[in-house]
Amino acid sequence: MKKSLGKIKKIDLRGVFPGESSDFTPWLKSNIDQLSETIGIEIIDIKREERVGDFNCDIIGTEANSEDKVIIENQFNQTNHDHLGKIITYASGVGAKYVVWISEKIREEHQKALEWLNENTNDVSFFGVEVSAITIDESNPALNFKSVVEPNMWGKEVKKATEQIDERHQKYLQFFTRLVS
């Protein structure tokens, strides 16, 4: 039996959401499960345009299993340095454990920056997610989230365990140094 398949067509995100903060962010808040499915983190208690000092974070939520803070910063077009600074400012301001940066295109330099942050931080996990709008044949538009950068949780656990071993050995050294002195 031969099945007829439709053709996926990428469409302009601004054709679906004219404004990032006025249209896309409210939609994302109401449909956070689609992003959650992509990154593997259930996000609850979602607040939009939440104040962080003098600035507004697009979305702040909570990871359902741990109650750790999740910040989400979205931008149309490709990533830029301004938004890289924003995600770091928001993460530090609320003590976020998860940082999600959504853009139509994650630039290579910013992908490397997020990977570096994941490799060099134990307690914060950074995600880079690309979003696009698609249709199949003449269907209604749908969003497609694609995770481009994810934390290496296994690597973080190994690093944390190694640091804990080093700390324990330092305490043994301090104890025995005082004992021998």
C-alpha atoms as a PDB file:
ATOM      1  CA  MET A   1       0.000   0.000   0.000  1.00  0.00           C
ATOM      2  CA  LYS A   2       1.522   3.265  -1.121  1.00  0.00           C
ATOM      3  CA  LYS A   3       1.044   6.179   1.307  1.00  0.00           C
ATOM      4  CA  SER A   4       0.944   9.756   0.166  1.00  0.00           C
ATOM      5  CA  LEU A   5       3.276  11.932   2.217  1.00  0.00           C
ATOM      6  CA  GLY A   6       3.013  15.661   2.663  1.00  0.00           C
ATOM      7  CA  LYS A   7       5.795  18.152   2.116  1.00  0.00           C
ATOM      8  CA  ILE A   8       7.204  20.141   5.045  1.00  0.00           C
ATOM      9  CA  LYS A   9       7.638  23.826   4.280  1.00  0.00           C
ATOM     10  CA  LYS A  10       9.459  26.259   6.548  1.00  0.00           C
ATOM     11  CA  ILE A  11       7.620  29.570   6.907  1.00  0.00           C
ATOM     12  CA  ASP A  12       8.589  32.919   8.399  1.00  0.00           C
ATOM     13  CA  LEU A  13       8.182  32.902  12.189  1.00  0.00           C
ATOM     14  CA  ARG A  14       7.041  36.541  12.081  1.00  0.00           C
ATOM     15  CA  GLY A  15       4.181  35.474   9.814  1.00  0.00           C
ATOM     16  CA  VAL A  16       2.876  33.409  12.736  1.00  0.00           C
ATOM     17  CA  PHE A  17       3.968  35.694  15.587  1.00  0.00           C
ATOM     18  CA  PRO A  18       4.294  39.352  14.511  1.00  0.00           C
ATOM     19  CA  GLY A  19       5.883  40.312  17.843  1.00  0.00           C
ATOM     20  CA  GLU A  20       8.311  38.328  19.948  1.00  0.00           C
ATOM     21  CA  SER A  21       7.276  39.616  23.383  1.00  0.00           C
ATOM     22  CA  SER A  22       3.654  40.425  22.502  1.00  0.00           C
ATOM     23  CA  ASP A  23       2.808  37.222  20.599  1.00  0.00           C
ATOM     24  CA  PHE A  24       5.466  34.499  20.839  1.00  0.00           C
ATOM     25  CA  THR A  25       6.218  34.733  24.576  1.00  0.00           C
ATOM     26  CA  PRO A  26       2.530  34.472  25.621  1.00  0.00           C
ATOM     27  CA  TRP A  27       2.087  31.522  23.239  1.00  0.00           C
ATOM     28  CA  LEU A  28       5.177  29.824  24.704  1.00  0.00           C
ATOM     29  CA  LYS A  29       3.897  30.347  28.237  1.00  0.00           C
ATOM     30  CA  SER A  30       0.617  28.628  27.312  1.00  0.00           C
ATOM     31  CA  ASN A  31       2.350  25.845  25.376  1.00  0.00           C
ATOM     32  CA  ILE A  32       5.427  25.296  27.556  1.00  0.00           C
ATOM     33  CA  ASP A  33       4.927  21.527  27.279  1.00  0.00           C
ATOM     34  CA  GLN A  34       6.233  21.638  23.689  1.00  0.00           C
ATOM     35  CA  LEU A  35       9.512  23.161  24.854  1.00  0.00           C
ATOM     36  CA  SER A  36       9.601  20.858  27.890  1.00  0.00           C
ATOM     37  CA  GLU A  37       9.341  17.831  25.618  1.00  0.00           C
ATOM     38  CA  THR A  38      12.274  19.074  23.524  1.00  0.00           C
ATOM     39  CA  ILE A  39      14.661  19.701  26.432  1.00  0.00           C
ATOM     40  CA  GLY A  40      13.432  16.945  28.749  1.00  0.00           C
ATOM     41  CA  ILE A  41      12.546  19.220  31.689  1.00  0.00           C
ATOM     42  CA  GLU A  42       9.004  19.660  32.977  1.00  0.00           C
ATOM     43  CA  ILE A  43       8.513  23.363  33.639  1.00  0.00           C
ATOM     44  CA  ILE A  44       5.765  24.597  35.980  1.00  0.00           C
ATOM     45  CA  ASP A  45       4.795  27.843  37.765  1.00  0.00           C
ATOM     46  CA  ILE A  46       5.493  29.912  34.665  1.00  0.00           C
ATOM     47  CA  LYS A  47       5.682  33.692  34.924  1.00  0.00           C
ATOM     48  CA  ARG A  48       6.049  36.001  31.939  1.00  0.00           C
ATOM     49  CA  GLU A  49       8.080  39.221  31.742  1.00  0.00           C
ATOM     50  CA  GLU A  50       9.224  38.790  35.324  1.00  0.00           C
ATOM     51  CA  ARG A  51      11.449  41.523  36.813  1.00  0.00           C
ATOM     52  CA  VAL A  52      15.083  40.703  37.483  1.00  0.00           C
ATOM     53  CA  GLY A  53      16.568  43.887  38.872  1.00  0.00           C
ATOM     54  CA  ASP A  54      15.956  46.596  36.280  1.00  0.00           C
ATOM     55  CA  PHE A  55      15.320  44.048  33.511  1.00  0.00           C
ATOM     56  CA  ASN A  56      12.519  41.686  32.436  1.00  0.00           C
ATOM     57  CA  CYS A  57      13.151  37.999  31.782  1.00  0.00           C
ATOM     58  CA  ASP A  58      10.867  36.556  29.092  1.00  0.00           C
ATOM     59  CA  ILE A  59       9.852  33.521  31.162  1.00  0.00           C
ATOM     60  CA  ILE A  60      10.783  32.243  34.606  1.00  0.00           C
ATOM     61  CA  GLY A  61       9.524  28.865  35.722  1.00  0.00           C
ATOM     62  CA  THR A  62      10.308  26.015  38.036  1.00  0.00           C
ATOM     63  CA  GLU A  63      11.561  22.517  37.234  1.00  0.00           C
ATOM     64  CA  ALA A  64       8.770  20.239  38.461  1.00  0.00           C
ATOM     65  CA  ASN A  65      10.875  17.568  40.201  1.00  0.00           C
ATOM     66  CA  SER A  66      13.361  19.776  42.029  1.00  0.00           C
ATOM     67  CA  GLU A  67      11.748  23.212  42.234  1.00  0.00           C
ATOM     68  CA  ASP A  68      14.927  24.671  40.672  1.00  0.00           C
ATOM     69  CA  LYS A  69      14.472  27.912  38.740  1.00  0.00           C
ATOM     70  CA  VAL A  70      14.334  27.848  34.933  1.00  0.00           C
ATOM     71  CA  ILE A  71      14.826  30.993  32.864  1.00  0.00           C
ATOM     72  CA  ILE A  72      13.853  31.191  29.221  1.00  0.00           C
ATOM     73  CA  GLU A  73      15.025  33.964  26.938  1.00  0.00           C
ATOM     74  CA  ASN A  74      13.738  34.004  23.382  1.00  0.00           C
ATOM     75  CA  GLN A  75      14.637  36.115  20.421  1.00  0.00           C
ATOM     76  CA  PHE A  76      13.723  36.229  16.779  1.00  0.00           C
ATOM     77  CA  ASN A  77      16.439  36.018  14.116  1.00  0.00           C
ATOM     78  CA  GLN A  78      19.860  34.751  15.158  1.00  0.00           C
ATOM     79  CA  THR A  79      21.491  34.918  18.574  1.00  0.00           C
ATOM     80  CA  ASN A  80      23.498  37.972  19.579  1.00  0.00           C
ATOM     81  CA  HIS A  81      25.828  39.100  22.370  1.00  0.00           C
ATOM     82  CA  ASP A  82      23.112  41.229  23.961  1.00  0.00           C
ATOM     83  CA  HIS A  83      20.967  38.160  24.665  1.00  0.00           C
ATOM     84  CA  LEU A  84      23.981  36.154  25.859  1.00  0.00           C
ATOM     85  CA  GLY A  85      24.488  38.843  28.501  1.00  0.00           C
ATOM     86  CA  LYS A  86      20.789  38.752  29.340  1.00  0.00           C
ATOM     87  CA  ILE A  87      20.715  35.005  30.023  1.00  0.00           C
ATOM     88  CA  ILE A  88      23.713  35.274  32.337  1.00  0.00           C
ATOM     89  CA  THR A  89      22.235  38.312  34.115  1.00  0.00           C
ATOM     90  CA  TYR A  90      18.837  36.650  34.570  1.00  0.00           C
ATOM     91  CA  ALA A  91      20.352  33.325  35.668  1.00  0.00           C
ATOM     92  CA  SER A  92      22.485  35.007  38.316  1.00  0.00           C
ATOM     93  CA  GLY A  93      19.637  37.284  39.405  1.00  0.00           C
ATOM     94  CA  VAL A  94      17.209  34.457  40.176  1.00  0.00           C
ATOM     95  CA  GLY A  95      19.700  31.691  40.966  1.00  0.00           C
ATOM     96  CA  ALA A  96      18.556  29.626  37.993  1.00  0.00           C
ATOM     97  CA  LYS A  97      19.717  26.039  37.604  1.00  0.00           C
ATOM     98  CA  TYR A  98      18.426  25.818  34.016  1.00  0.00           C
ATOM     99  CA  VAL A  99      18.917  28.404  31.277  1.00  0.00           C
ATOM    100  CA  VAL A 100      17.109  28.053  27.947  1.00  0.00           C
ATOM    101  CA  TRP A 101      17.976  30.372  25.061  1.00  0.00           C
ATOM    102  CA  ILE A 102      15.529  30.111  22.143  1.00  0.00           C
ATOM    103  CA  SER A 103      16.288  31.655  18.772  1.00  0.00           C
ATOM    104  CA  GLU A 104      15.613  31.025  15.110  1.00  0.00           C
ATOM    105  CA  LYS A 105      19.342  30.423  14.650  1.00  0.00           C
ATOM    106  CA  ILE A 106      21.991  29.760  17.312  1.00  0.00           C
ATOM    107  CA  ARG A 107      25.183  31.264  15.919  1.00  0.00           C
ATOM    108  CA  GLU A 108      28.252  29.037  16.039  1.00  0.00           C
ATOM    109  CA  GLU A 109      30.038  31.416  18.444  1.00  0.00           C
ATOM    110  CA  HIS A 110      27.101  31.324  20.851  1.00  0.00           C
ATOM    111  CA  GLN A 111      26.780  27.557  20.537  1.00  0.00           C
ATOM    112  CA  LYS A 112      30.426  27.289  21.617  1.00  0.00           C
ATOM    113  CA  ALA A 113      29.821  29.759  24.465  1.00  0.00           C
ATOM    114  CA  LEU A 114      26.887  27.680  25.776  1.00  0.00           C
ATOM    115  CA  GLU A 115      28.937  24.485  25.469  1.00  0.00           C
ATOM    116  CA  TRP A 116      31.790  26.154  27.379  1.00  0.00           C
ATOM    117  CA  LEU A 117      29.390  27.288  30.103  1.00  0.00           C
ATOM    118  CA  ASN A 118      28.050  23.720  30.386  1.00  0.00           C
ATOM    119  CA  GLU A 119      31.579  22.321  30.662  1.00  0.00           C
ATOM    120  CA  ASN A 120      32.700  24.869  33.262  1.00  0.00           C
ATOM    121  CA  THR A 121      29.696  25.126  35.566  1.00  0.00           C
ATOM    122  CA  ASN A 122      28.508  22.337  37.826  1.00  0.00           C
ATOM    123  CA  ASP A 123      25.233  23.727  39.082  1.00  0.00           C
ATOM    124  CA  VAL A 124      23.775  25.444  36.013  1.00  0.00           C
ATOM    125  CA  SER A 125      22.682  23.760  32.775  1.00  0.00           C
ATOM    126  CA  PHE A 126      22.471  25.726  29.523  1.00  0.00           C
ATOM    127  CA  PHE A 127      20.283  24.866  26.527  1.00  0.00           C
ATOM    128  CA  GLY A 128      20.338  26.424  23.064  1.00  0.00           C
ATOM    129  CA  VAL A 129      17.107  25.760  21.177  1.00  0.00           C
ATOM    130  CA  GLU A 130      16.290  26.738  17.616  1.00  0.00           C
ATOM    131  CA  VAL A 131      12.660  27.391  16.739  1.00  0.00           C
ATOM    132  CA  SER A 132      11.077  27.429  13.312  1.00  0.00           C
ATOM    133  CA  ALA A 133       7.548  27.579  11.957  1.00  0.00           C
ATOM    134  CA  ILE A 134       6.495  24.901   9.500  1.00  0.00           C
ATOM    135  CA  THR A 135       3.492  23.686   7.575  1.00  0.00           C
ATOM    136  CA  ILE A 136       2.794  20.373   5.917  1.00  0.00           C
ATOM    137  CA  ASP A 137       1.210  20.986   2.549  1.00  0.00           C
ATOM    138  CA  GLU A 138      -1.534  23.534   3.319  1.00  0.00           C
ATOM    139  CA  SER A 139      -1.850  22.771   7.058  1.00  0.00           C
ATOM    140  CA  ASN A 140      -1.979  25.259   9.892  1.00  0.00           C
ATOM    141  CA  PRO A 141       1.469  26.411  11.011  1.00  0.00           C
ATOM    142  CA  ALA A 142       3.248  24.467  13.723  1.00  0.00           C
ATOM    143  CA  LEU A 143       6.407  25.199  15.665  1.00  0.00           C
ATOM    144  CA  ASN A 144       9.415  22.961  15.516  1.00  0.00           C
ATOM    145  CA  PHE A 145      11.827  23.164  18.465  1.00  0.00           C
ATOM    146  CA  LYS A 146      15.295  21.720  17.904  1.00  0.00           C
ATOM    147  CA  SER A 147      17.777  21.384  20.750  1.00  0.00           C
ATOM    148  CA  VAL A 148      21.199  22.511  19.489  1.00  0.00           C
ATOM    149  CA  VAL A 149      23.064  22.704  22.821  1.00  0.00           C
ATOM    150  CA  GLU A 150      22.334  20.535  25.847  1.00  0.00           C
ATOM    151  CA  PRO A 151      24.244  19.995  29.059  1.00  0.00           C
ATOM    152  CA  ASN A 152      26.234  16.805  29.359  1.00  0.00           C
ATOM    153  CA  MET A 153      24.655  15.609  32.607  1.00  0.00           C
ATOM    154  CA  TRP A 154      26.895  12.538  32.793  1.00  0.00           C
ATOM    155  CA  GLY A 155      29.994  14.729  32.415  1.00  0.00           C
ATOM    156  CA  LYS A 156      28.743  17.147  35.097  1.00  0.00           C
ATOM    157  CA  GLU A 157      28.142  14.270  37.530  1.00  0.00           C
ATOM    158  CA  VAL A 158      31.637  12.839  36.928  1.00  0.00           C
ATOM    159  CA  LYS A 159      33.204  16.291  37.389  1.00  0.00           C
ATOM    160  CA  LYS A 160      31.232  16.909  40.582  1.00  0.00           C
ATOM    161  CA  ALA A 161      32.204  13.475  41.970  1.00  0.00           C
ATOM    162  CA  THR A 162      35.868  14.135  41.151  1.00  0.00           C
ATOM    163  CA  GLU A 163      35.772  17.499  42.903  1.00  0.00           C
ATOM    164  CA  GLN A 164      34.150  15.906  45.949  1.00  0.00           C
ATOM    165  CA  ILE A 165      36.913  13.303  46.087  1.00  0.00           C
ATOM    166  CA  ASP A 166      39.526  16.033  45.885  1.00  0.00           C
ATOM    167  CA  GLU A 167      37.837  17.958  48.698  1.00  0.00           C
ATOM    168  CA  ARG A 168      37.726  14.833  50.866  1.00  0.00           C
ATOM    169  CA  HIS A 169      41.414  14.177  50.276  1.00  0.00           C
ATOM    170  CA  GLN A 170      42.165  17.768  51.244  1.00  0.00           C
ATOM    171  CA  LYS A 171      40.338  17.279  54.549  1.00  0.00           C
ATOM    172  CA  TYR A 172      42.283  14.066  55.194  1.00  0.00           C
ATOM    173  CA  LEU A 173      45.514  15.936  54.481  1.00  0.00           C
ATOM    174  CA  GLN A 174      44.554  18.770  56.854  1.00  0.00           C
ATOM    175  CA  PHE A 175      43.577  16.293  59.584  1.00  0.00           C
ATOM    176  CA  PHE A 176      46.743  14.229  59.363  1.00  0.00           C
ATOM    177  CA  THR A 177      48.934  17.324  59.044  1.00  0.00           C
ATOM    178  CA  ARG A 178      47.554  18.634  62.360  1.00  0.00           C
ATOM    179  CA  LEU A 179      47.889  15.184  63.911  1.00  0.00           C
ATOM    180  CA  VAL A 180      51.561  14.866  62.957  1.00  0.00           C
ATOM    181  CA  SER A 181      52.489  18.478  63.850  1.00  0.00           C
END
